[in-house]
């Protein structure tokens, strides 16, 4: 489990759990399925921000906070290819 730059503690499993209901067939799904983070286009952070804002507007503050934590995770970790054993990682 990693401590993020904002003090939040988040594991890879937590990232997958937060993203599971919001797979979009795009970069959010790629992160959910493989752990890959693509920052080159700026789309993944923008997609996560838009998702968090939508959830907040829908009154789902806890879910929005989880997606915000995933956004911090993505920015802290940075660009990376798919992660070996991503779906089996629990406490990293």
C-alpha atoms as a PDB file:
ATOM      1  CA  UNK A   1       0.000   0.000   0.000  1.00  0.00           C
ATOM      2  CA  UNK A   2       1.402   3.332  -1.039  1.00  0.00           C
ATOM      3  CA  UNK A   3       1.064   6.701   0.615  1.00  0.00           C
ATOM      4  CA  UNK A   4       0.201   9.285  -2.006  1.00  0.00           C
ATOM      5  CA  UNK A   5       1.413  12.860  -2.166  1.00  0.00           C
ATOM      6  CA  UNK A   6      -1.812  14.035  -0.487  1.00  0.00           C
ATOM      7  CA  UNK A   7      -1.371  11.589   2.427  1.00  0.00           C
ATOM      8  CA  UNK A   8      -3.970   9.109   1.166  1.00  0.00           C
ATOM      9  CA  UNK A   9      -3.055   5.430   1.409  1.00  0.00           C
ATOM     10  CA  UNK A  10      -4.063   3.483  -1.681  1.00  0.00           C
ATOM     11  CA  UNK A  11      -3.159   0.011  -2.923  1.00  0.00           C
ATOM     12  CA  UNK A  12      -3.317  -1.283  -6.475  1.00  0.00           C
ATOM     13  CA  UNK A  13      -6.327  -3.320  -5.390  1.00  0.00           C
ATOM     14  CA  UNK A  14      -8.002  -0.122  -4.147  1.00  0.00           C
ATOM     15  CA  UNK A  15      -7.444   1.437  -7.580  1.00  0.00           C
ATOM     16  CA  UNK A  16      -9.091  -1.516  -9.321  1.00  0.00           C
ATOM     17  CA  UNK A  17     -11.991  -1.526  -6.864  1.00  0.00           C
ATOM     18  CA  UNK A  18     -12.633   2.187  -7.375  1.00  0.00           C
ATOM     19  CA  UNK A  19     -12.531   1.889 -11.171  1.00  0.00           C
ATOM     20  CA  UNK A  20     -14.475  -1.375 -11.575  1.00  0.00           C
ATOM     21  CA  UNK A  21     -17.916   0.270 -12.048  1.00  0.00           C
ATOM     22  CA  UNK A  22     -16.579   2.941 -14.394  1.00  0.00           C
ATOM     23  CA  UNK A  23     -14.805   0.990 -17.126  1.00  0.00           C
ATOM     24  CA  UNK A  24     -15.205   2.963 -20.332  1.00  0.00           C
ATOM     25  CA  UNK A  25     -13.394   0.898 -22.944  1.00  0.00           C
ATOM     26  CA  UNK A  26     -10.642   3.524 -22.955  1.00  0.00           C
ATOM     27  CA  UNK A  27      -7.841   4.603 -20.665  1.00  0.00           C
ATOM     28  CA  UNK A  28      -9.811   4.078 -17.453  1.00  0.00           C
ATOM     29  CA  UNK A  29     -10.417   0.481 -18.548  1.00  0.00           C
ATOM     30  CA  UNK A  30      -6.749   0.048 -19.444  1.00  0.00           C
ATOM     31  CA  UNK A  31      -5.749   1.138 -15.954  1.00  0.00           C
ATOM     32  CA  UNK A  32      -8.380  -1.134 -14.403  1.00  0.00           C
ATOM     33  CA  UNK A  33      -7.439  -4.167 -16.509  1.00  0.00           C
ATOM     34  CA  UNK A  34      -3.651  -3.871 -16.813  1.00  0.00           C
ATOM     35  CA  UNK A  35      -2.355  -1.099 -14.545  1.00  0.00           C
ATOM     36  CA  UNK A  36      -1.158   0.834 -17.601  1.00  0.00           C
ATOM     37  CA  UNK A  37      -1.032   4.602 -17.139  1.00  0.00           C
ATOM     38  CA  UNK A  38      -0.924   6.819 -20.197  1.00  0.00           C
ATOM     39  CA  UNK A  39      -0.304  10.491 -19.477  1.00  0.00           C
ATOM     40  CA  UNK A  40       1.067  11.619 -22.825  1.00  0.00           C
ATOM     41  CA  UNK A  41      -2.247  12.923 -24.181  1.00  0.00           C
ATOM     42  CA  UNK A  42      -3.573  14.099 -20.820  1.00  0.00           C
ATOM     43  CA  UNK A  43      -6.754  12.113 -21.452  1.00  0.00           C
ATOM     44  CA  UNK A  44      -6.555   9.793 -18.435  1.00  0.00           C
ATOM     45  CA  UNK A  45      -6.321  12.609 -15.871  1.00  0.00           C
ATOM     46  CA  UNK A  46      -9.060  14.503 -17.740  1.00  0.00           C
ATOM     47  CA  UNK A  47     -11.278  11.399 -17.853  1.00  0.00           C
ATOM     48  CA  UNK A  48     -10.799  10.764 -14.127  1.00  0.00           C
ATOM     49  CA  UNK A  49     -11.478  14.430 -13.290  1.00  0.00           C
ATOM     50  CA  UNK A  50     -14.656  14.422 -15.387  1.00  0.00           C
ATOM     51  CA  UNK A  51     -15.801  11.185 -13.751  1.00  0.00           C
ATOM     52  CA  UNK A  52     -15.204  12.561 -10.244  1.00  0.00           C
ATOM     53  CA  UNK A  53     -17.065  15.775 -11.117  1.00  0.00           C
ATOM     54  CA  UNK A  54     -19.992  13.793 -12.543  1.00  0.00           C
ATOM     55  CA  UNK A  55     -20.194  11.615  -9.441  1.00  0.00           C
ATOM     56  CA  UNK A  56     -20.078  14.676  -7.201  1.00  0.00           C
ATOM     57  CA  UNK A  57     -22.884  16.314  -9.217  1.00  0.00           C
ATOM     58  CA  UNK A  58     -24.906  13.118  -8.756  1.00  0.00           C
ATOM     59  CA  UNK A  59     -24.443  13.385  -4.993  1.00  0.00           C
ATOM     60  CA  UNK A  60     -22.060  10.417  -4.826  1.00  0.00           C
ATOM     61  CA  UNK A  61     -19.358  12.171  -2.807  1.00  0.00           C
ATOM     62  CA  UNK A  62     -17.700   9.022  -1.437  1.00  0.00           C
ATOM     63  CA  UNK A  63     -17.306   7.594  -4.938  1.00  0.00           C
ATOM     64  CA  UNK A  64     -16.050  10.952  -6.234  1.00  0.00           C
ATOM     65  CA  UNK A  65     -13.462  11.018  -3.436  1.00  0.00           C
ATOM     66  CA  UNK A  66     -12.278   7.518  -4.400  1.00  0.00           C
ATOM     67  CA  UNK A  67     -11.849   8.589  -8.022  1.00  0.00           C
ATOM     68  CA  UNK A  68      -9.987  11.717  -6.861  1.00  0.00           C
ATOM     69  CA  UNK A  69      -7.651   9.417  -4.912  1.00  0.00           C
ATOM     70  CA  UNK A  70      -7.112   7.353  -8.077  1.00  0.00           C
ATOM     71  CA  UNK A  71      -6.283  10.572  -9.949  1.00  0.00           C
ATOM     72  CA  UNK A  72      -3.660  11.419  -7.322  1.00  0.00           C
ATOM     73  CA  UNK A  73      -2.305   7.855  -7.622  1.00  0.00           C
ATOM     74  CA  UNK A  74      -2.064   8.202 -11.412  1.00  0.00           C
ATOM     75  CA  UNK A  75      -0.237  11.535 -11.156  1.00  0.00           C
ATOM     76  CA  UNK A  76       2.114  10.247  -8.437  1.00  0.00           C
ATOM     77  CA  UNK A  77       2.957   6.996 -10.254  1.00  0.00           C
ATOM     78  CA  UNK A  78       3.268   8.582 -13.678  1.00  0.00           C
ATOM     79  CA  UNK A  79       3.372   7.030 -17.116  1.00  0.00           C
ATOM     80  CA  UNK A  80       3.924   3.269 -17.163  1.00  0.00           C
ATOM     81  CA  UNK A  81       3.201   0.222 -19.325  1.00  0.00           C
ATOM     82  CA  UNK A  82       0.992  -2.661 -18.239  1.00  0.00           C
ATOM     83  CA  UNK A  83       2.002  -4.121 -14.870  1.00  0.00           C
ATOM     84  CA  UNK A  84       2.810  -7.826 -14.550  1.00  0.00           C
ATOM     85  CA  UNK A  85       0.300  -9.635 -12.307  1.00  0.00           C
ATOM     86  CA  UNK A  86      -1.740  -6.429 -11.963  1.00  0.00           C
ATOM     87  CA  UNK A  87      -4.990  -8.286 -11.269  1.00  0.00           C
ATOM     88  CA  UNK A  88      -3.372 -10.313  -8.480  1.00  0.00           C
ATOM     89  CA  UNK A  89      -1.684  -7.444  -6.647  1.00  0.00           C
ATOM     90  CA  UNK A  90      -3.383  -6.683  -3.346  1.00  0.00           C
ATOM     91  CA  UNK A  91      -1.266  -4.529  -1.062  1.00  0.00           C
ATOM     92  CA  UNK A  92       1.211  -2.736  -3.296  1.00  0.00           C
END
